[in-house]
Amino acid sequence: MSRHLRLVRPIISRSGRAPDRLEAWAIVLLGLLAAVSIAVVGVLSATDYGRLAATAAADAHSRHLVTAKLRPDIPLPPGEVSGGGAAIGGLRSVTADWSAPDGQPRRGVVQVAAGPSFPAQTPVWTDQSGSRVTPPLGGSEVFLTAVVGGVLWESAILAALGGVYLISRRLLDKHRARLWERALARLGGNATTP
């Protein structure tokens, strides 16, 4: 019989010392809390997925993918990384022109792969006014965000429950040691087994 099953036995048979019974109840209670936390985090992750999917759908509706014409001949605004120098992640900043959804011309800085030559154009996501925005989340990104969030929350909860068990176990072991010392003192120091 494994150690944990032996620890739960004092609950069923009502035998054993108080620390053993307390540890058995702690195992049962923490196990139940872990099971409940899995269900709760699952429901919250599903809710988070629905919220993220709705946000991604709204973003996809309000954002527009346009084609920007790269203009390496136009200097970058002050404070931008030079178009000729490699930026972080192998990207370069380049001036680009595009049209807003209402047809108005727009100009800004885009990042393209660093290399000896620039492509002629690149896709750019814009809002209704033509200002650059981040692309909307895709279906797989929404799913992964919800799953990773749920896994992180559940990991934190299980780590906290494990910490509570280890702390309570340590305290109960100290109490057991004191009980053994008292029993040993009563027997005159002749006890050799627990």
Protein backbone atom coordinates (compact mmCIF):
# COMPACT_ATOMS: atom_id res chain seq x y z
CA MET A 1 0.00 0.00 0.00
CA SER A 2 1.46 3.37 -0.94
CA ARG A 3 2.34 5.97 1.68
CA HIS A 4 -0.55 8.27 0.73
CA LEU A 5 -3.12 5.50 0.97
CA ARG A 6 -1.72 4.57 4.39
CA LEU A 7 -2.08 8.22 5.39
CA VAL A 8 -5.75 8.28 4.41
CA ARG A 9 -6.47 5.06 6.33
CA PRO A 10 -6.74 6.85 9.73
CA ILE A 11 -9.82 8.69 8.44
CA ILE A 12 -11.58 5.45 7.60
CA SER A 13 -10.60 3.40 10.64
CA ARG A 14 -10.49 6.33 13.11
CA SER A 15 -7.27 4.88 14.48
CA GLY A 16 -3.85 6.42 14.64
CA ARG A 17 -2.40 9.43 16.31
CA ALA A 18 -3.80 12.94 15.92
CA PRO A 19 -1.01 14.09 13.55
CA ASP A 20 -1.71 11.12 11.28
CA ARG A 21 -5.43 11.89 11.21
CA LEU A 22 -4.74 15.58 10.52
CA GLU A 23 -2.38 14.73 7.67
CA ALA A 24 -4.94 12.34 6.20
CA TRP A 25 -7.59 15.07 6.28
CA ALA A 26 -5.14 17.55 4.77
CA ILE A 27 -4.47 15.18 1.86
CA VAL A 28 -8.19 14.67 1.24
CA LEU A 29 -8.99 18.37 1.52
CA LEU A 30 -6.10 19.51 -0.68
CA GLY A 31 -6.97 16.83 -3.24
CA LEU A 32 -10.54 18.07 -3.36
CA LEU A 33 -9.36 21.67 -3.68
CA ALA A 34 -7.06 20.64 -6.55
CA ALA A 35 -9.95 18.90 -8.35
CA VAL A 36 -12.23 21.89 -7.85
CA SER A 37 -9.51 24.27 -9.05
CA ILE A 38 -9.12 22.27 -12.28
CA ALA A 39 -12.83 22.63 -12.97
CA VAL A 40 -12.91 26.33 -12.06
CA VAL A 41 -9.83 27.16 -14.15
CA GLY A 42 -11.33 25.20 -17.06
CA VAL A 43 -14.52 27.26 -16.92
CA LEU A 44 -12.56 30.51 -16.60
CA SER A 45 -10.32 29.54 -19.52
CA ALA A 46 -13.36 28.80 -21.67
CA THR A 47 -14.83 32.19 -20.71
CA ASP A 48 -11.52 33.86 -21.48
CA TYR A 49 -11.43 32.10 -24.86
CA GLY A 50 -14.91 33.43 -25.67
CA ARG A 51 -13.93 36.96 -24.66
CA LEU A 52 -10.69 36.83 -26.66
CA ALA A 53 -12.48 35.38 -29.70
CA ALA A 54 -15.08 38.17 -29.57
CA THR A 55 -12.34 40.80 -29.25
CA ALA A 56 -10.40 39.25 -32.15
CA ALA A 57 -13.55 39.20 -34.31
CA ALA A 58 -14.25 42.86 -33.49
CA ASP A 59 -10.63 43.76 -34.24
CA ALA A 60 -10.74 41.89 -37.55
CA HIS A 61 -13.86 43.85 -38.48
CA SER A 62 -12.47 47.26 -37.48
CA ARG A 63 -8.91 46.80 -38.78
CA HIS A 64 -7.89 46.80 -42.42
CA LEU A 65 -5.01 45.12 -44.18
CA VAL A 66 -3.51 47.46 -46.77
CA THR A 67 -0.41 47.31 -48.93
CA ALA A 68 2.26 49.87 -48.13
CA LYS A 69 4.79 50.97 -50.72
CA LEU A 70 8.28 51.09 -49.21
CA ARG A 71 10.20 54.34 -49.69
CA PRO A 72 13.83 53.78 -48.61
CA ASP A 73 14.70 57.03 -50.42
CA ILE A 74 12.75 59.09 -47.83
CA PRO A 75 14.62 59.72 -44.56
CA LEU A 76 13.14 58.38 -41.33
CA PRO A 77 11.74 60.77 -38.71
CA PRO A 78 14.17 61.71 -35.93
CA GLY A 79 14.50 59.02 -33.26
CA GLU A 80 13.85 56.10 -35.62
CA VAL A 81 16.46 53.44 -36.36
CA SER A 82 18.24 54.20 -39.60
CA GLY A 83 16.88 52.38 -42.67
CA GLY A 84 20.38 51.27 -43.56
CA GLY A 85 21.20 49.77 -40.13
CA ALA A 86 19.95 46.45 -38.85
CA ALA A 87 17.48 46.78 -35.99
CA ILE A 88 16.61 44.26 -33.29
CA GLY A 89 15.54 40.85 -34.58
CA GLY A 90 17.00 41.27 -38.08
CA LEU A 91 14.49 43.97 -39.02
CA ARG A 92 15.01 47.39 -40.54
CA SER A 93 12.91 50.51 -40.22
CA VAL A 94 11.82 51.94 -43.56
CA THR A 95 9.51 54.80 -44.52
CA ALA A 96 6.36 53.61 -46.29
CA ASP A 97 3.29 55.14 -47.93
CA TRP A 98 -0.22 53.64 -47.87
CA SER A 99 -3.82 54.71 -48.27
CA ALA A 100 -6.29 54.87 -45.40
CA PRO A 101 -9.63 53.11 -45.85
CA ASP A 102 -11.16 56.49 -46.77
CA GLY A 103 -8.51 56.96 -49.51
CA GLN A 104 -6.39 59.55 -47.71
CA PRO A 105 -2.63 59.06 -48.13
CA ARG A 106 -0.66 58.05 -45.04
CA ARG A 107 3.04 57.78 -44.32
CA GLY A 108 4.83 56.01 -41.52
CA VAL A 109 7.66 53.73 -40.53
CA VAL A 110 7.41 49.96 -41.00
CA GLN A 111 9.74 47.10 -40.14
CA VAL A 112 11.00 44.83 -42.92
CA ALA A 113 13.51 42.00 -42.96
CA ALA A 114 17.09 43.23 -43.04
CA GLY A 115 18.93 42.38 -46.20
CA PRO A 116 20.84 43.85 -49.10
CA SER A 117 17.64 45.02 -50.81
CA PHE A 118 14.15 46.08 -49.76
CA PRO A 119 10.95 44.56 -51.07
CA ALA A 120 8.80 46.98 -53.07
CA GLN A 121 5.82 46.67 -50.71
CA THR A 122 4.66 45.14 -47.45
CA PRO A 123 1.30 44.48 -45.77
CA VAL A 124 0.25 46.93 -43.03
CA TRP A 125 -2.73 46.75 -40.65
CA THR A 126 -4.54 50.05 -40.09
CA ASP A 127 -7.55 51.34 -38.20
CA GLN A 128 -10.41 53.35 -39.76
CA SER A 129 -8.30 56.53 -39.78
CA GLY A 130 -5.38 54.81 -41.52
CA SER A 131 -3.07 54.75 -38.49
CA ARG A 132 -0.98 51.62 -38.07
CA VAL A 133 -2.25 49.07 -35.54
CA THR A 134 -1.28 45.57 -34.51
CA PRO A 135 -2.84 42.73 -36.51
CA PRO A 136 -5.92 41.08 -35.01
CA LEU A 137 -5.39 37.79 -33.22
CA GLY A 138 -6.01 34.66 -35.26
CA GLY A 139 -8.01 31.66 -34.10
CA SER A 140 -4.98 29.64 -33.05
CA GLU A 141 -3.51 32.62 -31.16
CA VAL A 142 -6.76 33.09 -29.26
CA PHE A 143 -6.87 29.39 -28.39
CA LEU A 144 -3.22 29.28 -27.28
CA THR A 145 -3.61 32.44 -25.20
CA ALA A 146 -6.59 30.97 -23.34
CA VAL A 147 -4.92 27.57 -22.85
CA VAL A 148 -1.58 28.99 -21.69
CA GLY A 149 -3.39 31.34 -19.29
CA GLY A 150 -5.34 28.43 -17.83
CA VAL A 151 -2.24 26.25 -17.51
CA LEU A 152 -0.34 29.05 -15.75
CA TRP A 153 -3.20 29.68 -13.31
CA GLU A 154 -3.62 25.98 -12.55
CA SER A 155 0.13 25.56 -12.09
CA ALA A 156 0.17 28.43 -9.61
CA ILE A 157 -2.79 26.99 -7.69
CA LEU A 158 -1.29 23.50 -7.56
CA ALA A 159 2.07 24.93 -6.46
CA ALA A 160 0.32 26.84 -3.66
CA LEU A 161 -1.60 23.73 -2.57
CA GLY A 162 1.61 21.70 -2.67
CA GLY A 163 3.31 24.34 -0.54
CA VAL A 164 0.48 24.21 1.99
CA TYR A 165 0.81 20.43 2.14
CA LEU A 166 4.59 20.55 2.60
CA ILE A 167 4.34 23.17 5.36
CA SER A 168 1.58 21.28 7.18
CA ARG A 169 3.52 18.03 6.77
CA ARG A 170 6.63 19.65 8.26
CA LEU A 171 4.66 20.95 11.24
CA LEU A 172 2.99 17.57 11.77
CA ASP A 173 6.36 15.80 11.56
CA LYS A 174 7.68 18.08 14.33
CA HIS A 175 4.60 17.22 16.40
CA ARG A 176 5.16 13.50 15.74
CA ALA A 177 8.77 13.84 16.84
CA ARG A 178 7.66 15.46 20.12
CA LEU A 179 5.16 12.63 20.68
CA TRP A 180 7.90 10.05 20.10
CA GLU A 181 10.22 11.84 22.49
CA ARG A 182 7.52 11.83 25.18
CA ALA A 183 6.76 8.14 24.58
CA LEU A 184 10.45 7.33 24.70
CA ALA A 185 10.83 9.27 27.94
CA ARG A 186 7.87 7.36 29.46
CA LEU A 187 9.42 4.03 28.49
CA GLY A 188 12.75 5.04 29.94
CA GLY A 189 14.55 5.36 26.65
CA ASN A 190 14.10 1.70 25.56
CA ALA A 191 11.83 2.24 22.55
CA THR A 192 13.57 1.36 19.30
CA THR A 193 10.73 1.44 16.77
CA PRO A 194 7.90 3.89 16.20
